[in-house]
């Protein structure tokens, strides 16, 4: 069982930055693929970025490439999402998710592929 707790959300003006954190419980954090998803009002939850257990492989949704960076600190059981040049379209509740790493070339971008979820943190970008 893995418990995830997000933090770092808030209100920011367009062009600003935020850094989200997700703290995980357990002793085997490095064996989990981690991801960030987001859900805007009235929309389905969508993939944002994912990182392998080792941290060596990352994948981003096209609209955040070059603006967002996912990273992890396995010694601190924490995954981060650095968000720069934020846009009003980035406004959403951001969720951290985890699933066992498969150590292969498969990328997991669907909500149903993740076993554990945090409670979410609100990010609001004003124009």
Foldseek 3Di string as FASTA:
>chain_A
DKAKAKDWADEEAAQAKIKMKIAIDDDPLLQKKKFKWWDDPPGDIWGAKIAHSVRPDMDGDPVQPPFWDWGDDSVRRMIMIIGGRDDQVPWTWMKMFIDGGPPDDDDDTDPVRTDYIYPTDTHGYHD
